[in-house]
Amino acid sequence: VKDTDDASEEDGCWENDGKSCVCRPAKETRYLMARMSFAYRRSAKAMLVTQITTFCAFLATATSQIMPIAAFGIWAALVVAMNYVLVITIYPTIVIIHEVFIKKYESMLLCFCCRACKKLSSGTSSNNDTVEPVEPDNATTQTKPRTEGDGDDDADGDMAPELQRQLSEEEERATEYRCFEQFLYRQWSAFIVRFKYAILFVFLVIFVLAAYFGGQMEAQSEDEAWFAADHFMQRSIDKSGEFSASETDNLVAVTVTFGIDGVDRSGTSRWNPKEYGSVIWQDDFDISSPEAQSFLLALCDDLKNSDLVYAGNLVECPMQQFADYVEFIGETFPYQSGGG
């Protein structure tokens, strides 16, 4: 999107302002340099402002402690900066190449197409190309019969001369238009005005059909086939579907660990996902006390009965195994050693 905006900005300065403000000298090279210089002065600063705001917005995410988010922010900021460099370097060279070598053939093709369309529509639009001026009279007020498409403002007698003046100025400017612009100004606009109700009707029919068929959409009943039936990937997918899947295949295993005070990440790089850092253990952590044993066993029971756990028998608890062992040897839980 930024590429398109910047290219449009530079194109506008090159095509419109550059032609009107730079006179064509005898040497074509000086003429192109003058136009490009004018386009640079008009567009480079405007594009730079928009690029800086987007660059800073992406770069702000680089401060995140989450590595993927920070990496995305730096990458996107570099893409925006490189986009600006390309738009002010490579893109102007493409514009110059187009102007020197391609545009003459492009203009010939467009003129041929526009003239062909003009010949086809000349019989129907020739009567609408000129507007008869309305000259006011001191004694009587001359009015034109109201036709289809006349606005309500035509009822005001003062609007007719102003409208005529605007149309005359537009006609004078139209003589300087290029072939395609003249086609849009004359033939295409006349076509839109003449068939406006038919165009609205066609789009209304399209909207009704789209709403009708869209209302009949249903949920997908089977997996979409991305490959042909004889493709090796599709055969592999079909073959894997012949084997039954377990209910626990898609479960996420969670490990709860005690006795960790944190992680020392000094000397590690957040851009290396394999560097986790060093574990900081709690020196005073001890599970030999009766209170700690009872707490861990109660936590095991809570996890087995939790709604977040798929099934209680899937919970593996070392303290539960220790309690079963103590009862098996004839001792009581929580266990206390003889020296305790």
Protein backbone atom coordinates (compact mmCIF):
# COMPACT_ATOMS: atom_id res chain seq x y z
CA VAL A 1 0.00 0.00 0.00
CA LYS A 2 2.82 2.42 0.83
CA ASP A 3 4.44 1.62 -2.51
CA THR A 4 1.25 2.52 -4.35
CA ASP A 5 0.73 5.76 -2.41
CA ASP A 6 4.28 6.97 -2.97
CA ALA A 7 4.26 6.03 -6.65
CA SER A 8 0.94 7.85 -7.14
CA GLU A 9 2.30 10.94 -5.40
CA GLU A 10 5.39 11.02 -7.60
CA ASP A 11 3.38 10.22 -10.73
CA GLY A 12 1.07 13.14 -10.04
CA CYS A 13 3.96 15.57 -9.72
CA TRP A 14 5.62 14.12 -12.82
CA GLU A 15 2.60 14.04 -15.13
CA ASN A 16 0.59 17.07 -14.02
CA ASP A 17 2.70 19.68 -12.23
CA GLY A 18 5.95 18.86 -14.00
CA LYS A 19 4.52 19.40 -17.47
CA SER A 20 2.77 22.65 -16.59
CA CYS A 21 5.69 24.24 -14.75
CA VAL A 22 8.61 23.13 -16.94
CA CYS A 23 8.93 24.31 -20.52
CA ARG A 24 10.28 21.80 -23.04
CA PRO A 25 13.75 22.95 -24.14
CA ALA A 26 15.56 21.97 -27.28
CA LYS A 27 17.41 19.12 -25.62
CA GLU A 28 15.18 16.28 -24.40
CA THR A 29 17.61 15.30 -21.64
CA ARG A 30 17.48 18.72 -20.00
CA TYR A 31 13.70 18.66 -20.24
CA LEU A 32 13.45 15.30 -18.49
CA MET A 33 15.93 16.39 -15.82
CA ALA A 34 13.94 19.54 -15.16
CA ARG A 35 10.67 17.64 -14.86
CA MET A 36 12.20 15.02 -12.56
CA SER A 37 13.79 17.73 -10.42
CA PHE A 38 10.42 19.43 -10.05
CA ALA A 39 8.73 16.11 -9.22
CA TYR A 40 11.37 15.41 -6.57
CA ARG A 41 10.89 18.78 -4.92
CA ARG A 42 7.12 18.37 -4.82
CA SER A 43 6.86 14.74 -3.73
CA ALA A 44 10.01 13.71 -1.86
CA LYS A 45 9.24 15.67 1.31
CA ALA A 46 5.59 14.63 1.39
CA MET A 47 6.53 10.97 0.97
CA LEU A 48 9.25 11.27 3.60
CA VAL A 49 6.79 12.51 6.23
CA THR A 50 4.39 9.61 5.66
CA GLN A 51 7.25 7.10 5.62
CA ILE A 52 8.72 8.41 8.88
CA THR A 53 5.43 8.07 10.74
CA THR A 54 4.99 4.47 9.57
CA PHE A 55 8.68 3.71 10.24
CA CYS A 56 8.46 4.96 13.83
CA ALA A 57 5.20 3.09 14.45
CA PHE A 58 6.74 -0.23 13.46
CA LEU A 59 10.02 0.53 15.21
CA ALA A 60 8.15 1.08 18.50
CA THR A 61 7.26 -2.62 18.60
CA ALA A 62 11.00 -3.46 18.63
CA THR A 63 11.05 -2.59 22.34
CA SER A 64 8.87 -5.62 23.10
CA GLN A 65 10.44 -8.40 25.18
CA ILE A 66 8.68 -10.98 22.99
CA MET A 67 11.18 -11.88 20.30
CA PRO A 68 8.76 -12.49 17.35
CA ILE A 69 7.01 -9.14 17.91
CA ALA A 70 10.30 -7.24 18.18
CA ALA A 71 11.66 -8.99 15.09
CA PHE A 72 8.53 -8.15 13.11
CA GLY A 73 8.73 -4.47 14.13
CA ILE A 74 12.36 -4.14 13.04
CA TRP A 75 11.71 -6.01 9.78
CA ALA A 76 8.66 -3.89 8.92
CA ALA A 77 10.50 -0.65 9.74
CA LEU A 78 13.36 -1.65 7.46
CA VAL A 79 10.89 -2.51 4.69
CA VAL A 80 9.29 0.94 4.97
CA ALA A 81 12.68 2.65 4.88
CA MET A 82 13.82 0.59 1.90
CA ASN A 83 10.52 1.32 0.16
CA TYR A 84 11.25 5.04 0.35
CA VAL A 85 14.77 4.53 -1.01
CA LEU A 86 13.45 2.47 -3.92
CA VAL A 87 10.71 4.99 -4.73
CA ILE A 88 13.19 7.86 -5.01
CA THR A 89 15.83 5.85 -6.90
CA ILE A 90 14.63 2.89 -8.96
CA TYR A 91 11.08 4.10 -9.60
CA PRO A 92 12.17 7.42 -11.24
CA THR A 93 14.46 5.48 -13.59
CA ILE A 94 11.49 3.33 -14.60
CA VAL A 95 9.45 6.49 -15.19
CA ILE A 96 12.19 7.91 -17.42
CA ILE A 97 12.48 4.66 -19.39
CA HIS A 98 8.71 4.63 -19.84
CA GLU A 99 8.71 8.27 -20.96
CA VAL A 100 11.50 7.81 -23.51
CA PHE A 101 10.92 4.35 -24.96
CA ILE A 102 7.41 3.08 -24.15
CA LYS A 103 5.05 6.03 -23.86
CA LYS A 104 4.97 6.82 -27.57
CA TYR A 105 3.70 3.33 -28.37
CA GLU A 106 1.33 3.41 -25.43
CA SER A 107 -0.10 6.74 -26.61
CA MET A 108 -0.59 5.39 -30.12
CA LEU A 109 -2.49 2.39 -28.81
CA LEU A 110 -4.66 4.48 -26.49
CA CYS A 111 -5.42 6.99 -29.24
CA PHE A 112 -6.41 4.19 -31.60
CA CYS A 113 -8.78 2.68 -29.03
CA CYS A 114 -10.23 6.06 -28.05
CA ARG A 115 -10.82 7.10 -31.65
CA ALA A 116 -12.51 3.79 -32.38
CA CYS A 117 -14.85 4.30 -29.43
CA LYS A 118 -15.42 7.89 -30.51
CA LYS A 119 -16.48 6.82 -33.98
CA LEU A 120 -18.91 4.28 -32.54
CA SER A 121 -20.51 6.83 -30.23
CA SER A 122 -20.30 9.92 -32.45
CA GLY A 123 -23.74 9.32 -33.90
CA THR A 124 -25.42 9.30 -30.50
CA SER A 125 -23.41 11.88 -28.57
CA SER A 126 -22.85 14.60 -31.20
CA ASN A 127 -25.97 16.47 -30.14
CA ASN A 128 -24.83 16.56 -26.51
CA ASP A 129 -21.34 17.97 -27.04
CA THR A 130 -22.37 21.64 -27.17
CA VAL A 131 -24.57 23.65 -24.88
CA GLU A 132 -26.67 26.48 -26.31
CA PRO A 133 -26.03 29.72 -24.41
CA VAL A 134 -28.97 31.47 -22.84
CA GLU A 135 -28.90 35.24 -23.34
CA PRO A 136 -31.03 37.23 -20.89
CA ASP A 137 -33.37 39.87 -22.31
CA ASN A 138 -34.24 43.12 -20.59
CA ALA A 139 -37.95 42.78 -21.21
CA THR A 140 -38.56 39.08 -20.94
CA THR A 141 -36.79 36.17 -19.33
CA GLN A 142 -35.89 33.39 -21.73
CA THR A 143 -36.08 29.85 -20.42
CA LYS A 144 -35.29 26.47 -21.88
CA PRO A 145 -37.67 23.56 -21.69
CA ARG A 146 -36.82 21.27 -18.79
CA THR A 147 -35.34 17.99 -19.88
CA GLU A 148 -34.43 14.84 -18.08
CA GLY A 149 -31.29 15.20 -16.03
CA ASP A 150 -31.63 18.99 -15.43
CA GLY A 151 -31.01 19.84 -11.80
CA ASP A 152 -33.19 21.92 -9.55
CA ASP A 153 -30.64 24.73 -9.67
CA ASP A 154 -31.58 25.47 -13.30
CA ALA A 155 -34.76 27.12 -12.04
CA ASP A 156 -32.60 30.03 -10.90
CA GLY A 157 -32.01 32.35 -13.87
CA ASP A 158 -28.61 33.47 -12.53
CA MET A 159 -27.22 29.93 -12.76
CA ALA A 160 -27.45 29.66 -16.56
CA PRO A 161 -24.63 32.13 -17.44
CA GLU A 162 -22.41 30.74 -14.67
CA LEU A 163 -23.01 27.20 -15.81
CA GLN A 164 -22.31 28.20 -19.40
CA ARG A 165 -19.03 29.84 -18.35
CA GLN A 166 -17.92 26.76 -16.44
CA LEU A 167 -18.76 24.50 -19.35
CA SER A 168 -16.86 26.74 -21.76
CA GLU A 169 -13.78 26.70 -19.53
CA GLU A 170 -13.99 22.94 -19.22
CA GLU A 171 -14.23 22.59 -22.98
CA GLU A 172 -11.12 24.73 -23.41
CA ARG A 173 -9.20 22.61 -20.91
CA ALA A 174 -10.43 19.44 -22.60
CA THR A 175 -8.57 20.33 -25.77
CA GLU A 176 -5.31 19.86 -23.85
CA TYR A 177 -6.30 16.45 -22.51
CA ARG A 178 -4.58 13.31 -23.68
CA CYS A 179 -6.46 10.72 -25.75
CA PHE A 180 -7.56 8.58 -22.87
CA GLU A 181 -8.56 11.58 -20.77
CA GLN A 182 -10.63 12.94 -23.66
CA PHE A 183 -12.29 9.56 -24.00
CA LEU A 184 -13.23 9.64 -20.31
CA TYR A 185 -14.35 13.27 -20.52
CA ARG A 186 -16.48 12.95 -23.65
CA GLN A 187 -17.52 9.43 -24.56
CA TRP A 188 -17.39 7.68 -21.20
CA SER A 189 -19.06 10.45 -19.19
CA ALA A 190 -21.76 10.75 -21.85
CA PHE A 191 -22.33 7.00 -21.66
CA ILE A 192 -22.66 7.14 -17.85
CA VAL A 193 -25.12 10.04 -17.98
CA ARG A 194 -27.21 8.50 -20.74
CA PHE A 195 -27.46 5.01 -19.26
CA LYS A 196 -27.37 5.90 -15.56
CA TYR A 197 -30.64 4.16 -14.75
CA ALA A 198 -29.66 1.05 -16.70
CA ILE A 199 -26.32 0.92 -14.87
CA LEU A 200 -28.04 1.26 -11.50
CA PHE A 201 -30.48 -1.48 -12.48
CA VAL A 202 -27.66 -3.84 -13.52
CA PHE A 203 -25.81 -3.33 -10.25
CA LEU A 204 -29.06 -3.73 -8.32
CA VAL A 205 -29.62 -7.08 -10.03
CA ILE A 206 -26.06 -8.11 -9.21
CA PHE A 207 -26.57 -7.11 -5.57
CA VAL A 208 -29.84 -9.04 -5.31
CA LEU A 209 -28.29 -12.16 -6.87
CA ALA A 210 -25.26 -11.89 -4.59
CA ALA A 211 -27.52 -11.54 -1.53
CA TYR A 212 -29.67 -14.49 -2.67
CA PHE A 213 -26.80 -16.88 -3.28
CA GLY A 214 -24.93 -15.60 -0.23
CA GLY A 215 -27.94 -16.41 1.93
CA GLN A 216 -27.84 -20.01 0.74
CA MET A 217 -24.27 -20.60 1.88
CA GLU A 218 -23.89 -23.40 4.40
CA ALA A 219 -21.14 -24.60 6.66
CA GLN A 220 -18.50 -26.73 5.01
CA SER A 221 -19.41 -30.40 5.35
CA GLU A 222 -16.06 -31.86 4.31
CA ASP A 223 -12.45 -30.84 3.96
CA GLU A 224 -11.66 -28.90 0.83
CA ALA A 225 -9.50 -30.79 -1.67
CA TRP A 226 -6.48 -28.63 -2.42
CA PHE A 227 -4.94 -31.15 -4.80
CA ALA A 228 -6.13 -33.36 -7.61
CA ALA A 229 -7.41 -36.81 -6.65
CA ASP A 230 -4.36 -38.54 -8.16
CA HIS A 231 -1.85 -36.10 -6.64
CA PHE A 232 0.61 -37.72 -4.24
CA MET A 233 -0.22 -35.21 -1.49
CA GLN A 234 -3.96 -35.91 -1.79
CA ARG A 235 -3.32 -39.67 -1.78
CA SER A 236 -1.25 -39.22 1.38
CA ILE A 237 -4.04 -37.24 3.04
CA ASP A 238 -6.63 -39.83 2.06
CA LYS A 239 -4.44 -42.66 3.33
CA SER A 240 -3.83 -40.94 6.68
CA GLY A 241 -7.59 -40.62 7.13
CA GLU A 242 -7.95 -44.39 7.14
CA PHE A 243 -6.26 -44.60 10.56
CA SER A 244 -8.35 -43.74 13.59
CA ALA A 245 -7.15 -40.86 15.76
CA SER A 246 -7.05 -40.85 19.53
CA GLU A 247 -8.95 -38.28 21.57
CA THR A 248 -5.71 -37.28 23.28
CA ASP A 249 -3.70 -36.61 20.12
CA ASN A 250 -4.33 -32.86 20.12
CA LEU A 251 -3.99 -32.26 23.86
CA VAL A 252 -1.37 -29.83 25.18
CA ALA A 253 0.87 -31.13 27.93
CA VAL A 254 1.56 -28.65 30.76
CA THR A 255 4.32 -29.13 33.34
CA VAL A 256 4.12 -27.41 36.73
CA THR A 257 7.54 -27.02 38.37
CA PHE A 258 8.35 -25.83 41.89
CA GLY A 259 11.60 -24.60 43.35
CA ILE A 260 12.55 -22.17 40.55
CA ASP A 261 13.26 -18.56 41.45
CA GLY A 262 13.68 -17.33 37.88
CA VAL A 263 15.84 -17.51 34.78
CA ASP A 264 19.17 -15.74 34.34
CA ARG A 265 19.26 -14.49 30.73
CA SER A 266 22.47 -12.50 31.02
CA GLY A 267 24.87 -13.24 28.18
CA THR A 268 22.10 -14.59 25.94
CA SER A 269 20.62 -13.11 22.78
CA ARG A 270 16.88 -12.82 22.40
CA TRP A 271 17.29 -13.40 18.67
CA ASN A 272 18.56 -16.96 19.31
CA PRO A 273 15.57 -19.15 20.28
CA LYS A 274 17.88 -21.94 21.49
CA GLU A 275 19.46 -19.81 24.24
CA TYR A 276 17.09 -20.10 27.21
CA GLY A 277 19.45 -18.86 29.91
CA SER A 278 20.30 -20.46 33.27
CA VAL A 279 17.74 -21.59 35.84
CA ILE A 280 17.93 -19.87 39.23
CA TRP A 281 16.98 -22.42 41.87
CA GLN A 282 15.49 -21.60 45.26
CA ASP A 283 18.09 -22.57 47.84
CA ASP A 284 15.56 -22.76 50.69
CA PHE A 285 13.06 -24.93 48.78
CA ASP A 286 12.35 -28.20 50.67
CA ILE A 287 9.51 -30.68 50.16
CA SER A 288 10.50 -32.99 52.99
CA SER A 289 8.31 -31.19 55.54
CA PRO A 290 4.84 -32.64 56.23
CA GLU A 291 3.23 -29.35 55.25
CA ALA A 292 4.94 -29.29 51.84
CA GLN A 293 3.99 -32.93 51.16
CA SER A 294 0.34 -32.30 52.06
CA PHE A 295 0.22 -29.14 49.93
CA LEU A 296 1.61 -30.87 46.85
CA LEU A 297 -0.76 -33.83 47.23
CA ALA A 298 -3.77 -31.47 47.59
CA LEU A 299 -2.60 -29.63 44.47
CA CYS A 300 -2.54 -32.94 42.59
CA ASP A 301 -6.15 -33.62 43.61
CA ASP A 302 -7.21 -30.12 42.51
CA LEU A 303 -5.61 -30.60 39.10
CA LYS A 304 -7.35 -33.93 38.58
CA ASN A 305 -10.74 -32.31 39.31
CA SER A 306 -10.10 -29.14 37.32
CA ASP A 307 -12.24 -28.28 34.30
CA LEU A 308 -9.06 -27.37 32.41
CA VAL A 309 -7.85 -30.97 32.53
CA TYR A 310 -9.22 -33.42 29.95
CA ALA A 311 -9.17 -36.44 32.29
CA GLY A 312 -7.94 -36.92 35.85
CA ASN A 313 -6.07 -40.13 35.02
CA LEU A 314 -3.82 -38.17 32.65
CA VAL A 315 -2.34 -36.13 35.51
CA GLU A 316 1.05 -37.48 36.57
CA CYS A 317 1.95 -36.38 40.10
CA PRO A 318 5.20 -37.53 41.76
CA MET A 319 3.82 -36.72 45.21
CA GLN A 320 0.82 -39.00 44.61
CA GLN A 321 3.20 -41.79 43.61
CA PHE A 322 5.25 -41.12 46.74
CA ALA A 323 2.12 -41.26 48.93
CA ASP A 324 1.12 -44.61 47.41
CA TYR A 325 4.62 -45.96 48.02
CA VAL A 326 4.59 -44.82 51.66
CA GLU A 327 1.26 -46.56 52.28
CA PHE A 328 2.57 -49.67 50.49
CA ILE A 329 5.50 -50.04 52.92
CA GLY A 330 3.21 -49.57 55.91
CA GLU A 331 4.05 -45.96 56.77
CA THR A 332 1.75 -42.96 57.08
CA PHE A 333 1.57 -39.96 54.80
CA PRO A 334 2.91 -37.30 55.13
CA TYR A 335 6.07 -39.17 55.80
CA GLN A 336 8.51 -38.11 58.53
CA SER A 337 11.97 -39.60 58.71
CA GLY A 338 13.24 -41.03 61.98
CA GLY A 339 15.63 -38.14 62.46
CA GLY A 340 12.88 -35.53 61.95
